[in-house]
Amino acid sequence: MHKPNLAKLRQKRPSQGGQDVEPHAQTERGNPSPRVKMTSRRPKHRQNAWQRSKRDRVLLLMVLPGMLLFVVFHYLPLLGNVIAFQDYVPFIGIRNSPFVGLSNFQTLFTDPAFWNAVRNTLVITALNLLLFFPVPIAIALLLDSLYHDRLKGFIRSAIFLPHFISWVVIVALFQQILGGAGVINQFFLQQGWDTVQIIGNESLFKLLLVAQVTWKDAGWASIILTAALASIDGSLYESATVDGAGYWKRLWHISLPGLRPVIILLLILRLGDALSVGFEQVLLQRSSVGPAAGEVLDTYIYYFGVQNGNWSVAAAAGLFKGIVALSLVLAANKLAHKLGEDGVYTKK
């Protein structure tokens, strides 16, 4: 029977996993047991806030202009919400304006025009969620399915361009196409057909607003979704193709699950703007249908508050709008956490 060479076994073995393994005394059966030589590691020194700030001073200087922008134009104006509880007069200032408590909110909530504006705003928001929100997702998926880079770049540039066009130009363009003397009605007249009234039609006004927003901002809204699709591992598509999955199965099982966190995040942010449906766009077309169909919360604040001098009531309406938006964001974010998504922030 061959006996083990104990001299070789007593030699130092190579390190395993960063630990030096040396032979130890023999066990009861005569086989050597390994002895692990532990190496001491000093804990890293934890830097305090000042040391981290000094280390990242260049990055902090780059962020400083954006921080100042938010502080000056977003956080400091929040202090002006105090006029919602005052009978504010611009000529005497905030300090000298009398405090009236919740009187401005009582005036606001008893005004039927306010609730009409809220109703119109919510209807337009619901239509945007149903008709506009899926369009950027479809555009991103279609662009991702193209293999010709030049064609993809041309289409991307063509659909991004309307975002940079002014609302004045877009409204005038729709007027020239869909108006009473527009291109479509002129064509109908040449054919001997009856004309259609789209611009100025109260029942179609909200759908017209959604169509304008879709034409202008659908391509721009697809940028984040396109970037999210580009971050999906390409090996997943290759493995699915090898397993026999077609385009629709890859879309359903790979692309859409990869987009789900971004879609939920965009949906939550969109709910934060639920009571903001585009002040300039509505203001330019409100007169064509009247306040009953064309008044939204932003235009109500402008006409009732700014033009009529009801500054405190307008501030109360703006504060109400902000509280509702914050509540919707927090509720949607909590729902996202229950569904297992991160939402706006990651829950610890």
Protein backbone atom coordinates (compact mmCIF):
# COMPACT_ATOMS: atom_id res chain seq x y z
CA MET A 1 0.00 0.00 0.00
CA HIS A 2 1.40 3.40 -1.02
CA LYS A 3 2.04 5.72 1.92
CA PRO A 4 1.46 9.47 1.53
CA ASN A 5 4.55 11.65 1.43
CA LEU A 6 4.15 13.62 4.66
CA ALA A 7 7.05 15.91 3.79
CA LYS A 8 5.25 17.24 0.75
CA LEU A 9 2.01 17.63 2.67
CA ARG A 10 3.77 19.73 5.30
CA GLN A 11 4.85 22.20 2.66
CA LYS A 12 2.93 25.47 2.49
CA ARG A 13 0.02 25.24 0.08
CA PRO A 14 -0.91 28.03 -2.33
CA SER A 15 -3.28 30.68 -1.09
CA GLN A 16 -6.99 30.16 -1.67
CA GLY A 17 -9.33 33.12 -1.77
CA GLY A 18 -6.73 35.49 -0.34
CA GLN A 19 -5.94 33.19 2.68
CA ASP A 20 -2.71 31.29 3.19
CA VAL A 21 -3.37 27.60 3.89
CA GLU A 22 -0.70 25.75 5.87
CA PRO A 23 -0.60 22.12 7.03
CA HIS A 24 -1.60 21.45 10.61
CA ALA A 25 -1.23 18.50 12.85
CA GLN A 26 -2.40 15.11 11.65
CA THR A 27 -5.94 14.02 12.35
CA GLU A 28 -6.91 10.73 13.93
CA ARG A 29 -6.84 8.98 10.52
CA GLY A 30 -3.36 10.25 9.76
CA ASN A 31 -4.37 12.90 7.20
CA PRO A 32 -3.10 16.41 7.76
CA SER A 33 -5.72 19.05 8.50
CA PRO A 34 -5.25 22.48 6.95
CA ARG A 35 -4.61 25.50 9.11
CA VAL A 36 -5.88 28.81 7.85
CA LYS A 37 -3.64 31.80 8.44
CA MET A 38 -5.87 34.86 8.70
CA THR A 39 -4.54 38.17 7.45
CA SER A 40 -5.55 41.24 9.43
CA ARG A 41 -7.17 44.09 7.53
CA ARG A 42 -7.51 47.56 8.89
CA PRO A 43 -10.96 49.14 8.54
CA LYS A 44 -11.07 52.01 6.10
CA HIS A 45 -11.27 55.47 7.59
CA ARG A 46 -14.74 56.92 7.05
CA GLN A 47 -14.67 60.47 5.72
CA ASN A 48 -16.90 63.09 7.24
CA ALA A 49 -19.12 65.48 5.27
CA TRP A 50 -16.47 68.21 5.06
CA GLN A 51 -13.84 65.80 3.71
CA ARG A 52 -16.27 64.45 1.12
CA SER A 53 -17.20 67.97 0.07
CA LYS A 54 -13.54 68.89 -0.28
CA ARG A 55 -12.91 65.76 -2.33
CA ASP A 56 -15.86 66.42 -4.66
CA ARG A 57 -15.49 70.21 -4.81
CA VAL A 58 -15.21 70.23 -8.62
CA LEU A 59 -18.45 68.29 -9.05
CA LEU A 60 -20.20 70.49 -6.50
CA LEU A 61 -19.12 73.61 -8.39
CA MET A 62 -20.61 72.13 -11.57
CA VAL A 63 -23.92 71.48 -9.79
CA LEU A 64 -23.99 74.89 -8.07
CA PRO A 65 -25.63 76.88 -10.95
CA GLY A 66 -28.49 74.39 -11.20
CA MET A 67 -28.97 74.41 -7.43
CA LEU A 68 -29.09 78.22 -7.39
CA LEU A 69 -31.64 78.14 -10.23
CA PHE A 70 -33.94 75.85 -8.26
CA VAL A 71 -33.53 77.80 -5.03
CA VAL A 72 -34.21 81.21 -6.58
CA PHE A 73 -37.03 80.27 -8.96
CA HIS A 74 -38.65 77.26 -7.24
CA TYR A 75 -38.06 77.23 -3.48
CA LEU A 76 -37.99 80.91 -2.56
CA PRO A 77 -41.32 81.61 -4.36
CA LEU A 78 -42.94 79.05 -2.06
CA LEU A 79 -42.77 81.67 0.69
CA GLY A 80 -45.14 83.81 -1.38
CA ASN A 81 -47.96 81.32 -0.79
CA VAL A 82 -48.67 83.24 2.41
CA ILE A 83 -50.76 85.68 0.35
CA ALA A 84 -53.32 82.89 -0.09
CA PHE A 85 -54.25 83.60 3.55
CA GLN A 86 -54.20 87.39 3.19
CA ASP A 87 -56.18 90.12 1.49
CA TYR A 88 -53.10 90.91 -0.56
CA VAL A 89 -52.66 94.34 -2.10
CA PRO A 90 -49.50 94.75 -4.22
CA PHE A 91 -49.10 98.43 -3.29
CA ILE A 92 -48.77 97.80 0.45
CA GLY A 93 -46.87 94.47 0.25
CA ILE A 94 -47.10 91.19 2.10
CA ARG A 95 -46.22 92.56 5.55
CA ASN A 96 -48.99 95.15 5.62
CA SER A 97 -51.71 93.07 3.93
CA PRO A 98 -54.37 91.92 6.44
CA PHE A 99 -54.65 88.25 7.37
CA VAL A 100 -58.01 86.69 6.41
CA GLY A 101 -57.42 83.00 7.12
CA LEU A 102 -59.29 80.59 4.84
CA SER A 103 -61.60 83.21 3.38
CA ASN A 104 -59.92 83.06 -0.04
CA PHE A 105 -60.36 79.29 -0.19
CA GLN A 106 -64.04 79.69 0.70
CA THR A 107 -64.43 82.17 -2.16
CA LEU A 108 -62.60 79.80 -4.49
CA PHE A 109 -64.56 76.67 -3.62
CA THR A 110 -67.94 78.41 -3.92
CA ASP A 111 -67.22 79.70 -7.41
CA PRO A 112 -68.86 77.51 -10.11
CA ALA A 113 -66.34 78.74 -12.69
CA PHE A 114 -63.53 77.24 -10.61
CA TRP A 115 -65.09 73.78 -10.57
CA ASN A 116 -65.82 74.04 -14.29
CA ALA A 117 -62.12 74.76 -14.87
CA VAL A 118 -61.11 71.82 -12.65
CA ARG A 119 -63.49 69.50 -14.52
CA ASN A 120 -62.15 70.55 -17.92
CA THR A 121 -58.58 70.15 -16.67
CA LEU A 122 -59.20 66.63 -15.38
CA VAL A 123 -60.92 65.57 -18.60
CA ILE A 124 -57.99 66.82 -20.69
CA THR A 125 -55.53 65.07 -18.34
CA ALA A 126 -57.44 61.79 -18.65
CA LEU A 127 -57.46 62.08 -22.44
CA ASN A 128 -53.73 62.76 -22.42
CA LEU A 129 -53.10 59.65 -20.32
CA LEU A 130 -55.27 57.47 -22.56
CA LEU A 131 -54.32 58.83 -25.99
CA PHE A 132 -50.98 60.62 -25.68
CA PHE A 133 -49.07 58.61 -23.07
CA PRO A 134 -48.90 55.33 -25.10
CA VAL A 135 -47.66 57.11 -28.25
CA PRO A 136 -44.06 57.75 -27.07
CA ILE A 137 -43.83 54.11 -25.98
CA ALA A 138 -44.89 52.94 -29.45
CA ILE A 139 -42.45 55.37 -31.12
CA ALA A 140 -39.55 54.13 -28.98
CA LEU A 141 -40.37 50.49 -29.77
CA LEU A 142 -40.66 51.20 -33.49
CA LEU A 143 -37.37 53.10 -33.58
CA ASP A 144 -35.67 50.31 -31.66
CA SER A 145 -36.86 47.76 -34.23
CA LEU A 146 -35.19 49.60 -37.12
CA TYR A 147 -31.79 48.29 -38.21
CA HIS A 148 -30.87 51.02 -40.70
CA ASP A 149 -29.01 53.65 -38.66
CA ARG A 150 -29.43 56.49 -41.17
CA LEU A 151 -33.15 55.90 -41.50
CA LYS A 152 -33.47 55.72 -37.72
CA GLY A 153 -31.57 58.99 -37.32
CA PHE A 154 -33.70 60.75 -39.95
CA ILE A 155 -36.98 59.63 -38.35
CA ARG A 156 -35.73 60.59 -34.88
CA SER A 157 -34.79 64.08 -36.06
CA ALA A 158 -38.11 64.51 -37.87
CA ILE A 159 -40.22 63.64 -34.83
CA PHE A 160 -38.05 65.61 -32.38
CA LEU A 161 -38.24 68.85 -34.38
CA PRO A 162 -41.87 69.85 -33.55
CA HIS A 163 -40.96 70.08 -29.86
CA PHE A 164 -38.95 73.23 -30.59
CA ILE A 165 -41.75 74.97 -32.51
CA SER A 166 -43.71 77.66 -30.66
CA TRP A 167 -47.32 77.03 -29.70
CA VAL A 168 -48.28 80.14 -31.68
CA VAL A 169 -46.95 78.56 -34.86
CA ILE A 170 -48.57 75.18 -34.11
CA VAL A 171 -51.99 76.70 -33.42
CA ALA A 172 -51.75 78.75 -36.62
CA LEU A 173 -50.75 75.61 -38.55
CA PHE A 174 -53.74 73.65 -37.27
CA GLN A 175 -55.95 76.62 -38.06
CA GLN A 176 -54.73 76.66 -41.65
CA ILE A 177 -55.40 72.94 -42.02
CA LEU A 178 -58.54 72.32 -39.94
CA GLY A 179 -60.13 75.78 -39.79
CA GLY A 180 -63.30 76.88 -41.54
CA ALA A 181 -61.27 78.20 -44.47
CA GLY A 182 -58.52 75.62 -44.06
CA VAL A 183 -57.08 73.17 -46.55
CA ILE A 184 -59.45 70.32 -45.68
CA ASN A 185 -62.63 72.40 -45.97
CA GLN A 186 -61.41 73.98 -49.21
CA PHE A 187 -60.93 70.50 -50.63
CA PHE A 188 -64.44 69.51 -49.51
CA LEU A 189 -65.89 72.61 -51.19
CA GLN A 190 -64.13 71.78 -54.44
CA GLN A 191 -65.63 68.31 -54.35
CA GLY A 192 -69.09 69.66 -53.57
CA TRP A 193 -69.18 68.18 -50.07
CA ASP A 194 -70.29 69.75 -46.81
CA THR A 195 -67.60 71.36 -44.70
CA VAL A 196 -66.70 70.17 -41.21
CA GLN A 197 -66.21 72.38 -38.18
CA ILE A 198 -63.27 71.24 -36.12
CA ILE A 199 -61.72 74.50 -34.94
CA GLY A 200 -64.30 76.14 -32.69
CA ASN A 201 -66.28 72.96 -32.04
CA GLU A 202 -66.82 72.64 -28.28
CA SER A 203 -67.30 68.86 -28.36
CA LEU A 204 -64.00 68.34 -30.26
CA PHE A 205 -61.94 70.99 -28.48
CA LYS A 206 -60.38 68.69 -25.90
CA LEU A 207 -59.52 66.05 -28.51
CA LEU A 208 -57.96 68.82 -30.62
CA LEU A 209 -55.73 69.80 -27.69
CA VAL A 210 -54.59 66.19 -27.28
CA ALA A 211 -53.88 65.89 -31.02
CA GLN A 212 -51.76 69.04 -30.93
CA VAL A 213 -49.78 67.85 -27.90
CA THR A 214 -49.23 64.46 -29.54
CA TRP A 215 -47.92 66.02 -32.76
CA LYS A 216 -45.64 68.37 -30.87
CA ASP A 217 -44.23 66.35 -27.97
CA ALA A 218 -44.66 62.62 -28.69
CA GLY A 219 -41.26 62.32 -30.35
CA TRP A 220 -39.52 64.31 -27.64
CA ALA A 221 -41.15 62.24 -24.89
CA SER A 222 -39.76 59.06 -26.46
CA ILE A 223 -36.12 60.03 -25.74
CA ILE A 224 -36.05 58.55 -22.24
CA LEU A 225 -37.83 55.41 -23.41
CA THR A 226 -35.39 54.99 -26.31
CA ALA A 227 -32.47 55.27 -23.87
CA ALA A 228 -34.10 52.68 -21.60
CA LEU A 229 -34.43 50.27 -24.53
CA ALA A 230 -30.76 50.80 -25.43
CA SER A 231 -29.76 49.79 -21.88
CA ILE A 232 -31.37 46.33 -22.19
CA ASP A 233 -28.79 43.59 -22.58
CA GLY A 234 -28.62 42.50 -26.23
CA SER A 235 -27.80 38.93 -25.24
CA LEU A 236 -31.37 38.55 -24.01
CA TYR A 237 -32.69 39.15 -27.53
CA GLU A 238 -30.07 36.81 -29.01
CA SER A 239 -30.95 34.02 -26.58
CA ALA A 240 -34.65 34.48 -27.25
CA THR A 241 -34.07 34.38 -31.00
CA VAL A 242 -32.06 31.16 -30.68
CA ASP A 243 -34.90 29.66 -28.64
CA GLY A 244 -37.32 30.47 -31.47
CA ALA A 245 -39.01 33.57 -30.06
CA GLY A 246 -40.42 35.89 -32.70
CA TYR A 247 -40.61 39.68 -32.66
CA TRP A 248 -43.84 39.90 -30.67
CA LYS A 249 -42.67 37.47 -28.02
CA ARG A 250 -39.38 39.37 -27.64
CA LEU A 251 -41.38 42.58 -27.39
CA TRP A 252 -43.70 41.19 -24.74
CA HIS A 253 -41.17 39.30 -22.62
CA ILE A 254 -38.03 41.47 -22.96
CA SER A 255 -38.70 44.99 -24.24
CA LEU A 256 -41.80 45.86 -22.26
CA PRO A 257 -40.50 44.43 -18.94
CA GLY A 258 -37.32 46.43 -19.50
CA LEU A 259 -39.38 49.59 -20.02
CA ARG A 260 -41.73 49.01 -17.09
CA PRO A 261 -39.73 50.90 -14.40
CA VAL A 262 -39.30 53.91 -16.71
CA ILE A 263 -42.97 53.86 -17.73
CA ILE A 264 -44.08 53.83 -14.09
CA LEU A 265 -41.70 56.69 -13.27
CA LEU A 266 -42.97 58.79 -16.17
CA LEU A 267 -46.56 58.02 -15.21
CA ILE A 268 -45.95 59.20 -11.65
CA LEU A 269 -44.33 62.40 -12.88
CA ARG A 270 -47.21 62.94 -15.30
CA LEU A 271 -49.68 62.68 -12.43
CA GLY A 272 -47.76 65.48 -10.75
CA ASP A 273 -48.80 67.71 -13.68
CA ALA A 274 -52.37 66.46 -13.70
CA LEU A 275 -53.75 69.97 -13.15
CA SER A 276 -51.39 71.58 -15.68
CA VAL A 277 -52.46 71.00 -19.27
CA GLY A 278 -50.59 73.70 -21.14
CA PHE A 279 -51.39 77.32 -20.33
CA GLU A 280 -50.14 78.86 -23.59
CA GLN A 281 -51.81 76.26 -25.80
CA VAL A 282 -55.24 76.72 -24.17
CA LEU A 283 -54.93 80.50 -23.88
CA LEU A 284 -54.44 80.85 -27.63
CA GLN A 285 -57.61 78.86 -28.43
CA ARG A 286 -59.92 79.56 -25.49
CA SER A 287 -61.76 82.35 -27.27
CA SER A 288 -62.81 80.05 -30.13
CA VAL A 289 -64.98 77.85 -27.86
CA GLY A 290 -65.63 80.05 -24.83
CA PRO A 291 -64.94 79.54 -21.11
CA ALA A 292 -67.48 76.73 -20.70
CA ALA A 293 -65.43 74.31 -22.80
CA GLY A 294 -62.04 76.04 -22.95
CA GLU A 295 -61.43 77.18 -19.37
CA VAL A 296 -58.77 75.21 -17.47
CA LEU A 297 -57.28 75.84 -14.07
CA ASP A 298 -54.29 77.83 -15.36
CA THR A 299 -56.41 80.14 -17.50
CA TYR A 300 -58.88 80.55 -14.62
CA ILE A 301 -56.03 81.74 -12.39
CA TYR A 302 -54.87 84.12 -15.10
CA TYR A 303 -58.24 85.71 -15.93
CA PHE A 304 -59.88 85.66 -12.51
CA GLY A 305 -56.76 86.31 -10.46
CA VAL A 306 -54.30 88.35 -12.51
CA GLN A 307 -56.57 90.34 -14.84
CA ASN A 308 -59.26 91.04 -12.23
CA GLY A 309 -56.76 91.76 -9.46
CA ASN A 310 -57.82 88.88 -7.18
CA TRP A 311 -54.25 88.02 -6.25
CA SER A 312 -55.04 86.18 -3.04
CA VAL A 313 -57.72 83.97 -4.62
CA ALA A 314 -55.34 83.18 -7.49
CA ALA A 315 -52.64 82.21 -4.95
CA ALA A 316 -55.17 80.00 -3.16
CA ALA A 317 -55.99 78.27 -6.45
CA GLY A 318 -52.28 77.75 -7.14
CA LEU A 319 -51.73 76.34 -3.64
CA PHE A 320 -54.70 74.00 -4.09
CA LYS A 321 -53.21 72.86 -7.38
CA GLY A 322 -49.83 72.14 -5.77
CA ILE A 323 -51.34 70.19 -2.86
CA VAL A 324 -53.40 68.01 -5.21
CA ALA A 325 -50.37 67.34 -7.42
CA LEU A 326 -48.21 66.40 -4.42
CA SER A 327 -50.91 64.06 -3.12
CA LEU A 328 -51.22 62.32 -6.48
CA VAL A 329 -47.44 61.84 -6.75
CA LEU A 330 -47.14 60.40 -3.24
CA ALA A 331 -50.12 58.08 -3.74
CA ALA A 332 -48.85 56.85 -7.12
CA ASN A 333 -45.35 56.38 -5.71
CA LYS A 334 -46.68 54.32 -2.80
CA LEU A 335 -48.67 52.20 -5.23
CA ALA A 336 -45.51 51.66 -7.29
CA HIS A 337 -43.67 50.43 -4.16
CA LYS A 338 -46.47 47.96 -3.46
CA LEU A 339 -46.13 46.65 -7.02
CA GLY A 340 -42.41 46.10 -6.49
CA GLU A 341 -41.13 49.12 -8.45
CA ASP A 342 -38.83 51.90 -7.27
CA GLY A 343 -41.01 54.81 -8.34
CA VAL A 344 -39.57 58.28 -7.83
CA TYR A 345 -37.22 57.08 -5.10
CA THR A 346 -36.05 53.68 -3.89
CA LYS A 347 -37.74 52.46 -0.72
CA LYS A 348 -35.29 51.18 1.87
